[in-house]
Structures are given as structure tokens and as C-alpha cells.
Amino acid sequence: MTAVPGASRHPVRILLCDDHAVVRAGLLALLDSAPDIEVVGEAGTGEEALALSAKLAPDVVLMDLQLGDGIDGVETTRRLTAAPGRAPHVLVLTTYDTDADITRAIEAGATGYLLKAERPEELFAAIQAAAQGRTALSAPVASRVMANMRSPRPTLTDRERDILTQLAQGLGNREIARALFISEATVKTHLGRIYDKLGVDTRAGAVSVAKEQRLLP
């Protein structure tokens, strides 16, 4: 048999991480039908994914972003890719495609970012690409990344995003301070920086621009 150029000699070892058991079961059935892909484990939380990755040494972790209680997919990705030794590649597979989600995942070290609406063959190809350390992005995600490169969005810190999210829910400074366990003075300082970055001078303006530029998770 003639070898196919670029084909994997060994199956790509996959660890699934999604907090929905039904989703994991569907992915497991789908990936079991794929050539050159082997699912070696599945996790329902970020903490479980970290433990199983250290034990099973997968090539790729297929990572959802929203994982219920505990650490989320972004923080799990950050810890996985920063792990000592041979760290796995992380391929995000999610329904969330906001600029904030994409930016946070890529900054955390994700090799690729796919939407769950992708066709199976696109997922298989992305897994193979991720296993080789090559970037794999869904077309809508790639378009958004390119648009952001041409016209960069304001860069907010994690704390500023947290405060902006609370702001969008209609909370006042005191309520935001309580929710985030910080002082009202700190909230006011961060709000000033948020206003400067977004080019606004009101709370309503900040929320409006954040929604328009898809900065909210």
C-alpha cells in the first residue's frame, strides 16, 4: 500500500472535555468512525481533563469552553498548554464565537478553534492539523480573526471584562464590588479605564460598544 503524504503513522490520541454527557457520547461515536483518530479518555470538568491529560498523554484535547462548575475551558487550556513535559495541543470545539471567547482561547494557547456546527470531515481534518501543531479555525472564526487584525478591537483585561459583564447585567458599582470581592474604588478605577479604551463616557455607552464589538462573553 502506498503511503499517503502527510498521513499519520499512528492514530491521533484524543481526550474529550465537555460537561454534557450526551455531547460526549455523540462525539465519541463520531470520532470512533474516523480513521487515524483514537479517543483515549473523556472528561466532564476542567479539573478532570487536567488529571486525565497528565495520566493519558493525549496528542489533542478537544475542549469545550463552558464547563459548568469549576474552572472553564479557557483556564483549563492555559494549564494544559503550560504543563511541563510534552503538553497536548488543545482544539476548542464550542458553540460560542464571540470575539472575547476567541481571543481568550487563543491567548490561553489553543491551537485551533472550531464551532460545533462544523461538518464531521472538517472536524477530522482540524484534529489532524492540531496534532501537528498547525492552526485550525472554523471559517467564521478565521474571518473574524482577520477582521480584528485589520481593525483591532480594544484589548480589555480579564478584570475589565468581568466588570463589563456585570455592568451589562445592570449592576451598580456597589453590587459589582460585592460580586467580584473588590472595593468600590477599584470598580471606579477599572470603569475609567474601560471608558477610555472604548471611547465612551457613560455606562450605557460602554455596554453598547461592548455588544457592538462582541467583547462580552
C-alpha atoms as a PDB file:
ATOM      1  CA  MET A   1       0.000   0.000   0.000  1.00  0.00           C
ATOM      2  CA  THR A   2       1.338   3.428  -0.949  1.00  0.00           C
ATOM      3  CA  ALA A   3       1.689   5.806   1.970  1.00  0.00           C
ATOM      4  CA  VAL A   4      -0.349   8.994   1.754  1.00  0.00           C
ATOM      5  CA  PRO A   5       1.917  12.063   2.114  1.00  0.00           C
ATOM      6  CA  GLY A   6       1.397  13.747   5.472  1.00  0.00           C
ATOM      7  CA  ALA A   7      -0.751  10.907   6.849  1.00  0.00           C
ATOM      8  CA  SER A   8      -0.307   9.929  10.478  1.00  0.00           C
ATOM      9  CA  ARG A   9       1.506   6.659  11.115  1.00  0.00           C
ATOM     10  CA  HIS A  10      -0.224   6.315  14.431  1.00  0.00           C
ATOM     11  CA  PRO A  11      -3.758   7.313  15.425  1.00  0.00           C
ATOM     12  CA  VAL A  12      -4.130  10.784  16.941  1.00  0.00           C
ATOM     13  CA  ARG A  13      -4.883  10.239  20.611  1.00  0.00           C
ATOM     14  CA  ILE A  14      -7.835  12.390  21.711  1.00  0.00           C
ATOM     15  CA  LEU A  15      -9.116  13.436  25.129  1.00  0.00           C
ATOM     16  CA  LEU A  16     -12.684  14.811  25.076  1.00  0.00           C
ATOM     17  CA  CYS A  17     -13.643  17.540  27.529  1.00  0.00           C
ATOM     18  CA  ASP A  18     -17.306  18.608  27.590  1.00  0.00           C
ATOM     19  CA  ASP A  19     -19.634  18.908  30.564  1.00  0.00           C
ATOM     20  CA  HIS A  20     -22.602  17.404  28.676  1.00  0.00           C
ATOM     21  CA  ALA A  21     -22.582  13.601  28.710  1.00  0.00           C
ATOM     22  CA  VAL A  22     -24.854  13.410  25.659  1.00  0.00           C
ATOM     23  CA  VAL A  23     -22.478  15.623  23.662  1.00  0.00           C
ATOM     24  CA  ARG A  24     -19.512  13.492  24.700  1.00  0.00           C
ATOM     25  CA  ALA A  25     -21.365  10.341  23.665  1.00  0.00           C
ATOM     26  CA  GLY A  26     -22.153  11.832  20.268  1.00  0.00           C
ATOM     27  CA  LEU A  27     -18.564  12.937  19.733  1.00  0.00           C
ATOM     28  CA  LEU A  28     -17.272   9.555  20.853  1.00  0.00           C
ATOM     29  CA  ALA A  29     -19.484   7.765  18.331  1.00  0.00           C
ATOM     30  CA  LEU A  30     -18.456  10.194  15.594  1.00  0.00           C
ATOM     31  CA  LEU A  31     -14.723  10.003  16.290  1.00  0.00           C
ATOM     32  CA  ASP A  32     -14.820   6.214  16.566  1.00  0.00           C
ATOM     33  CA  SER A  33     -15.850   6.189  12.903  1.00  0.00           C
ATOM     34  CA  ALA A  34     -12.866   8.300  11.870  1.00  0.00           C
ATOM     35  CA  PRO A  35      -9.641   6.789  10.560  1.00  0.00           C
ATOM     36  CA  ASP A  36      -6.424   7.621  12.406  1.00  0.00           C
ATOM     37  CA  ILE A  37      -8.235   9.005  15.483  1.00  0.00           C
ATOM     38  CA  GLU A  38      -8.442   7.257  18.849  1.00  0.00           C
ATOM     39  CA  VAL A  39     -10.369   8.597  21.842  1.00  0.00           C
ATOM     40  CA  VAL A  40      -8.359   7.666  24.928  1.00  0.00           C
ATOM     41  CA  GLY A  41     -10.500   9.392  27.551  1.00  0.00           C
ATOM     42  CA  GLU A  42     -13.335  11.775  28.303  1.00  0.00           C
ATOM     43  CA  ALA A  43     -13.745  14.437  30.972  1.00  0.00           C
ATOM     44  CA  GLY A  44     -16.742  16.393  32.215  1.00  0.00           C
ATOM     45  CA  THR A  45     -14.825  19.132  34.054  1.00  0.00           C
ATOM     46  CA  GLY A  46     -11.650  21.120  33.601  1.00  0.00           C
ATOM     47  CA  GLU A  47     -10.112  19.571  36.669  1.00  0.00           C
ATOM     48  CA  GLU A  48     -10.842  16.085  35.366  1.00  0.00           C
ATOM     49  CA  ALA A  49      -9.313  16.981  31.995  1.00  0.00           C
ATOM     50  CA  LEU A  50      -6.094  18.122  33.674  1.00  0.00           C
ATOM     51  CA  ALA A  51      -5.829  14.898  35.669  1.00  0.00           C
ATOM     52  CA  LEU A  52      -6.593  12.635  32.703  1.00  0.00           C
ATOM     53  CA  SER A  53      -4.230  14.521  30.405  1.00  0.00           C
ATOM     54  CA  ALA A  54      -1.366  14.018  32.844  1.00  0.00           C
ATOM     55  CA  LYS A  55      -2.215  10.319  33.046  1.00  0.00           C
ATOM     56  CA  LEU A  56      -3.059   9.525  29.410  1.00  0.00           C
ATOM     57  CA  ALA A  57      -0.779  11.940  27.494  1.00  0.00           C
ATOM     58  CA  PRO A  58      -3.171  12.633  24.595  1.00  0.00           C
ATOM     59  CA  ASP A  59      -1.976  14.319  21.419  1.00  0.00           C
ATOM     60  CA  VAL A  60      -5.007  16.610  21.287  1.00  0.00           C
ATOM     61  CA  VAL A  61      -7.578  17.717  23.859  1.00  0.00           C
ATOM     62  CA  LEU A  62     -10.940  18.556  22.298  1.00  0.00           C
ATOM     63  CA  MET A  63     -12.101  21.336  24.611  1.00  0.00           C
ATOM     64  CA  ASP A  64     -15.469  22.977  25.216  1.00  0.00           C
ATOM     65  CA  LEU A  65     -15.333  26.483  26.706  1.00  0.00           C
ATOM     66  CA  GLN A  66     -18.252  26.351  29.142  1.00  0.00           C
ATOM     67  CA  LEU A  67     -17.756  23.564  31.665  1.00  0.00           C
ATOM     68  CA  GLY A  68     -20.251  24.324  34.421  1.00  0.00           C
ATOM     69  CA  ASP A  69     -18.806  24.409  37.925  1.00  0.00           C
ATOM     70  CA  GLY A  70     -15.059  24.669  38.415  1.00  0.00           C
ATOM     71  CA  ILE A  71     -12.518  26.118  36.009  1.00  0.00           C
ATOM     72  CA  ASP A  72     -13.699  26.916  32.485  1.00  0.00           C
ATOM     73  CA  GLY A  73     -12.298  25.743  29.180  1.00  0.00           C
ATOM     74  CA  VAL A  74     -10.023  28.750  28.766  1.00  0.00           C
ATOM     75  CA  GLU A  75      -8.313  28.273  32.120  1.00  0.00           C
ATOM     76  CA  THR A  76      -8.089  24.528  31.507  1.00  0.00           C
ATOM     77  CA  THR A  77      -6.454  25.244  28.147  1.00  0.00           C
ATOM     78  CA  ARG A  78      -3.968  27.599  29.775  1.00  0.00           C
ATOM     79  CA  ARG A  79      -2.965  24.978  32.338  1.00  0.00           C
ATOM     80  CA  LEU A  80      -2.777  22.158  29.787  1.00  0.00           C
ATOM     81  CA  THR A  81      -0.542  24.050  27.386  1.00  0.00           C
ATOM     82  CA  ALA A  82       1.689  25.280  30.218  1.00  0.00           C
ATOM     83  CA  ALA A  83       2.137  21.813  31.708  1.00  0.00           C
ATOM     84  CA  PRO A  84       5.741  20.584  31.969  1.00  0.00           C
ATOM     85  CA  GLY A  85       6.961  17.992  29.522  1.00  0.00           C
ATOM     86  CA  ARG A  86       5.072  17.167  26.344  1.00  0.00           C
ATOM     87  CA  ALA A  87       1.940  19.313  26.565  1.00  0.00           C
ATOM     88  CA  PRO A  88      -1.040  18.341  24.386  1.00  0.00           C
ATOM     89  CA  HIS A  89      -2.412  20.574  21.671  1.00  0.00           C
ATOM     90  CA  VAL A  90      -5.838  21.994  22.515  1.00  0.00           C
ATOM     91  CA  LEU A  91      -8.546  22.241  19.887  1.00  0.00           C
ATOM     92  CA  VAL A  92     -11.530  24.257  21.101  1.00  0.00           C
ATOM     93  CA  LEU A  93     -14.904  22.858  19.991  1.00  0.00           C
ATOM     94  CA  THR A  94     -17.727  25.113  21.110  1.00  0.00           C
ATOM     95  CA  THR A  95     -20.935  26.910  20.173  1.00  0.00           C
ATOM     96  CA  TYR A  96     -19.533  30.257  21.349  1.00  0.00           C
ATOM     97  CA  ASP A  97     -17.954  32.501  18.725  1.00  0.00           C
ATOM     98  CA  THR A  98     -17.734  35.946  20.309  1.00  0.00           C
ATOM     99  CA  ASP A  99     -14.536  37.924  19.841  1.00  0.00           C
ATOM    100  CA  ALA A 100     -13.945  37.721  23.590  1.00  0.00           C
ATOM    101  CA  ASP A 101     -14.163  33.914  23.614  1.00  0.00           C
ATOM    102  CA  ILE A 102     -11.929  33.522  20.569  1.00  0.00           C
ATOM    103  CA  THR A 103      -9.306  35.934  21.889  1.00  0.00           C
ATOM    104  CA  ARG A 104      -9.198  34.382  25.361  1.00  0.00           C
ATOM    105  CA  ALA A 105      -8.878  30.839  23.974  1.00  0.00           C
ATOM    106  CA  ILE A 106      -6.081  31.718  21.564  1.00  0.00           C
ATOM    107  CA  GLU A 107      -4.242  33.735  24.211  1.00  0.00           C
ATOM    108  CA  ALA A 108      -4.517  30.713  26.529  1.00  0.00           C
ATOM    109  CA  GLY A 109      -2.652  28.599  23.971  1.00  0.00           C
ATOM    110  CA  ALA A 110      -5.367  26.873  21.926  1.00  0.00           C
ATOM    111  CA  THR A 111      -4.026  25.531  18.636  1.00  0.00           C
ATOM    112  CA  GLY A 112      -7.419  25.738  16.934  1.00  0.00           C
ATOM    113  CA  TYR A 113     -10.987  26.960  17.384  1.00  0.00           C
ATOM    114  CA  LEU A 114     -13.911  25.092  15.828  1.00  0.00           C
ATOM    115  CA  LEU A 115     -17.667  25.557  16.092  1.00  0.00           C
ATOM    116  CA  LYS A 116     -19.877  22.563  16.830  1.00  0.00           C
ATOM    117  CA  ALA A 117     -21.839  23.245  13.642  1.00  0.00           C
ATOM    118  CA  GLU A 118     -18.883  22.069  11.525  1.00  0.00           C
ATOM    119  CA  ARG A 119     -19.231  19.037   9.268  1.00  0.00           C
ATOM    120  CA  PRO A 120     -17.594  15.828  10.548  1.00  0.00           C
ATOM    121  CA  GLU A 121     -14.906  15.863   7.861  1.00  0.00           C
ATOM    122  CA  GLU A 122     -13.930  19.401   8.896  1.00  0.00           C
ATOM    123  CA  LEU A 123     -13.589  18.254  12.488  1.00  0.00           C
ATOM    124  CA  PHE A 124     -11.449  15.262  11.469  1.00  0.00           C
ATOM    125  CA  ALA A 125      -9.171  17.480   9.373  1.00  0.00           C
ATOM    126  CA  ALA A 126      -8.857  20.005  12.215  1.00  0.00           C
ATOM    127  CA  ILE A 127      -7.872  17.259  14.650  1.00  0.00           C
ATOM    128  CA  GLN A 128      -5.140  16.043  12.300  1.00  0.00           C
ATOM    129  CA  ALA A 129      -3.918  19.622  11.847  1.00  0.00           C
ATOM    130  CA  ALA A 130      -3.927  20.292  15.592  1.00  0.00           C
ATOM    131  CA  ALA A 131      -1.972  17.101  16.246  1.00  0.00           C
ATOM    132  CA  GLN A 132       0.776  18.503  14.011  1.00  0.00           C
ATOM    133  CA  GLY A 133       0.662  21.872  15.756  1.00  0.00           C
ATOM    134  CA  ARG A 134      -0.985  23.611  12.826  1.00  0.00           C
ATOM    135  CA  THR A 135      -3.716  26.200  13.352  1.00  0.00           C
ATOM    136  CA  ALA A 136      -7.263  25.056  12.605  1.00  0.00           C
ATOM    137  CA  LEU A 137     -10.087  27.602  12.585  1.00  0.00           C
ATOM    138  CA  SER A 138     -13.721  27.415  11.508  1.00  0.00           C
ATOM    139  CA  ALA A 139     -14.344  29.694   8.538  1.00  0.00           C
ATOM    140  CA  PRO A 140     -16.468  32.181  10.539  1.00  0.00           C
ATOM    141  CA  VAL A 141     -13.793  32.290  13.251  1.00  0.00           C
ATOM    142  CA  ALA A 142     -10.996  32.797  10.715  1.00  0.00           C
ATOM    143  CA  SER A 143     -12.945  35.647   9.116  1.00  0.00           C
ATOM    144  CA  ARG A 144     -13.418  37.315  12.471  1.00  0.00           C
ATOM    145  CA  VAL A 145      -9.743  36.928  13.395  1.00  0.00           C
ATOM    146  CA  MET A 146      -8.723  38.514  10.087  1.00  0.00           C
ATOM    147  CA  ALA A 147     -11.204  41.360  10.561  1.00  0.00           C
ATOM    148  CA  ASN A 148      -9.825  42.016  14.036  1.00  0.00           C
ATOM    149  CA  MET A 149      -6.288  42.086  12.676  1.00  0.00           C
ATOM    150  CA  ARG A 150      -7.307  44.686  10.103  1.00  0.00           C
ATOM    151  CA  SER A 151      -9.305  46.721  12.621  1.00  0.00           C
ATOM    152  CA  PRO A 152      -8.202  45.709  16.125  1.00  0.00           C
ATOM    153  CA  ARG A 153     -10.779  45.720  18.910  1.00  0.00           C
ATOM    154  CA  PRO A 154      -9.957  47.314  22.262  1.00  0.00           C
ATOM    155  CA  THR A 155      -7.973  44.947  24.460  1.00  0.00           C
ATOM    156  CA  LEU A 156      -9.547  44.505  27.874  1.00  0.00           C
ATOM    157  CA  THR A 157      -8.007  42.742  30.845  1.00  0.00           C
ATOM    158  CA  ASP A 158      -9.798  39.793  32.429  1.00  0.00           C
ATOM    159  CA  ARG A 159     -10.871  42.010  35.343  1.00  0.00           C
ATOM    160  CA  GLU A 160     -12.178  44.675  32.968  1.00  0.00           C
ATOM    161  CA  ARG A 161     -14.168  42.016  31.113  1.00  0.00           C
ATOM    162  CA  ASP A 162     -15.580  40.802  34.424  1.00  0.00           C
ATOM    163  CA  ILE A 163     -16.698  44.304  35.349  1.00  0.00           C
ATOM    164  CA  LEU A 164     -18.106  44.974  31.885  1.00  0.00           C
ATOM    165  CA  THR A 165     -20.112  41.752  32.091  1.00  0.00           C
ATOM    166  CA  GLN A 166     -21.569  42.819  35.454  1.00  0.00           C
ATOM    167  CA  LEU A 167     -22.266  46.254  34.000  1.00  0.00           C
ATOM    168  CA  ALA A 168     -24.217  44.684  31.139  1.00  0.00           C
ATOM    169  CA  GLN A 169     -26.401  42.954  33.717  1.00  0.00           C
ATOM    170  CA  GLY A 170     -27.403  46.331  35.133  1.00  0.00           C
ATOM    171  CA  LEU A 171     -25.430  46.151  38.375  1.00  0.00           C
ATOM    172  CA  GLY A 172     -24.264  49.293  40.156  1.00  0.00           C
ATOM    173  CA  ASN A 173     -20.745  49.889  41.472  1.00  0.00           C
ATOM    174  CA  ARG A 174     -21.541  48.585  44.950  1.00  0.00           C
ATOM    175  CA  GLU A 175     -23.146  45.420  43.575  1.00  0.00           C
ATOM    176  CA  ILE A 176     -20.228  44.836  41.196  1.00  0.00           C
ATOM    177  CA  ALA A 177     -17.774  45.288  44.070  1.00  0.00           C
ATOM    178  CA  ARG A 178     -19.632  42.693  46.150  1.00  0.00           C
ATOM    179  CA  ALA A 179     -19.925  40.246  43.257  1.00  0.00           C
ATOM    180  CA  LEU A 180     -16.208  40.431  42.443  1.00  0.00           C
ATOM    181  CA  PHE A 181     -14.936  40.837  46.034  1.00  0.00           C
ATOM    182  CA  ILE A 182     -13.215  44.145  45.335  1.00  0.00           C
ATOM    183  CA  SER A 183     -13.705  47.692  46.609  1.00  0.00           C
ATOM    184  CA  GLU A 184     -15.967  50.282  45.017  1.00  0.00           C
ATOM    185  CA  ALA A 185     -12.900  52.445  44.446  1.00  0.00           C
ATOM    186  CA  THR A 186     -11.317  49.643  42.432  1.00  0.00           C
ATOM    187  CA  VAL A 187     -14.513  49.277  40.394  1.00  0.00           C
ATOM    188  CA  LYS A 188     -14.448  53.014  39.613  1.00  0.00           C
ATOM    189  CA  THR A 189     -10.797  52.820  38.562  1.00  0.00           C
ATOM    190  CA  HIS A 190     -11.483  49.944  36.187  1.00  0.00           C
ATOM    191  CA  LEU A 191     -14.572  51.669  34.795  1.00  0.00           C
ATOM    192  CA  GLY A 192     -12.464  54.721  33.954  1.00  0.00           C
ATOM    193  CA  ARG A 193     -10.033  52.530  32.034  1.00  0.00           C
ATOM    194  CA  ILE A 194     -12.880  50.743  30.264  1.00  0.00           C
ATOM    195  CA  TYR A 195     -14.413  54.058  29.215  1.00  0.00           C
ATOM    196  CA  ASP A 196     -11.051  55.234  27.849  1.00  0.00           C
ATOM    197  CA  LYS A 197     -10.477  52.044  25.865  1.00  0.00           C
ATOM    198  CA  LEU A 198     -13.985  52.011  24.403  1.00  0.00           C
ATOM    199  CA  GLY A 199     -14.073  55.752  23.740  1.00  0.00           C
ATOM    200  CA  VAL A 200     -17.208  56.353  25.821  1.00  0.00           C
ATOM    201  CA  ASP A 201     -18.106  58.295  28.939  1.00  0.00           C
ATOM    202  CA  THR A 202     -21.220  56.529  30.223  1.00  0.00           C
ATOM    203  CA  ARG A 203     -22.144  53.083  31.488  1.00  0.00           C
ATOM    204  CA  ALA A 204     -24.773  52.680  28.771  1.00  0.00           C
ATOM    205  CA  GLY A 205     -22.229  53.681  26.149  1.00  0.00           C
ATOM    206  CA  ALA A 206     -19.741  51.106  27.388  1.00  0.00           C
ATOM    207  CA  VAL A 207     -22.320  48.316  27.247  1.00  0.00           C
ATOM    208  CA  SER A 208     -23.499  49.403  23.800  1.00  0.00           C
ATOM    209  CA  VAL A 209     -19.978  49.434  22.328  1.00  0.00           C
ATOM    210  CA  ALA A 210     -19.117  46.130  24.017  1.00  0.00           C
ATOM    211  CA  LYS A 211     -22.158  44.456  22.449  1.00  0.00           C
ATOM    212  CA  GLU A 212     -21.488  46.031  19.075  1.00  0.00           C
ATOM    213  CA  GLN A 213     -17.883  44.842  19.046  1.00  0.00           C
ATOM    214  CA  ARG A 214     -18.752  41.463  20.620  1.00  0.00           C
ATOM    215  CA  LEU A 215     -16.482  41.987  23.598  1.00  0.00           C
ATOM    216  CA  LEU A 216     -18.832  40.315  26.051  1.00  0.00           C
ATOM    217  CA  PRO A 217     -18.689  36.542  26.616  1.00  0.00           C
END
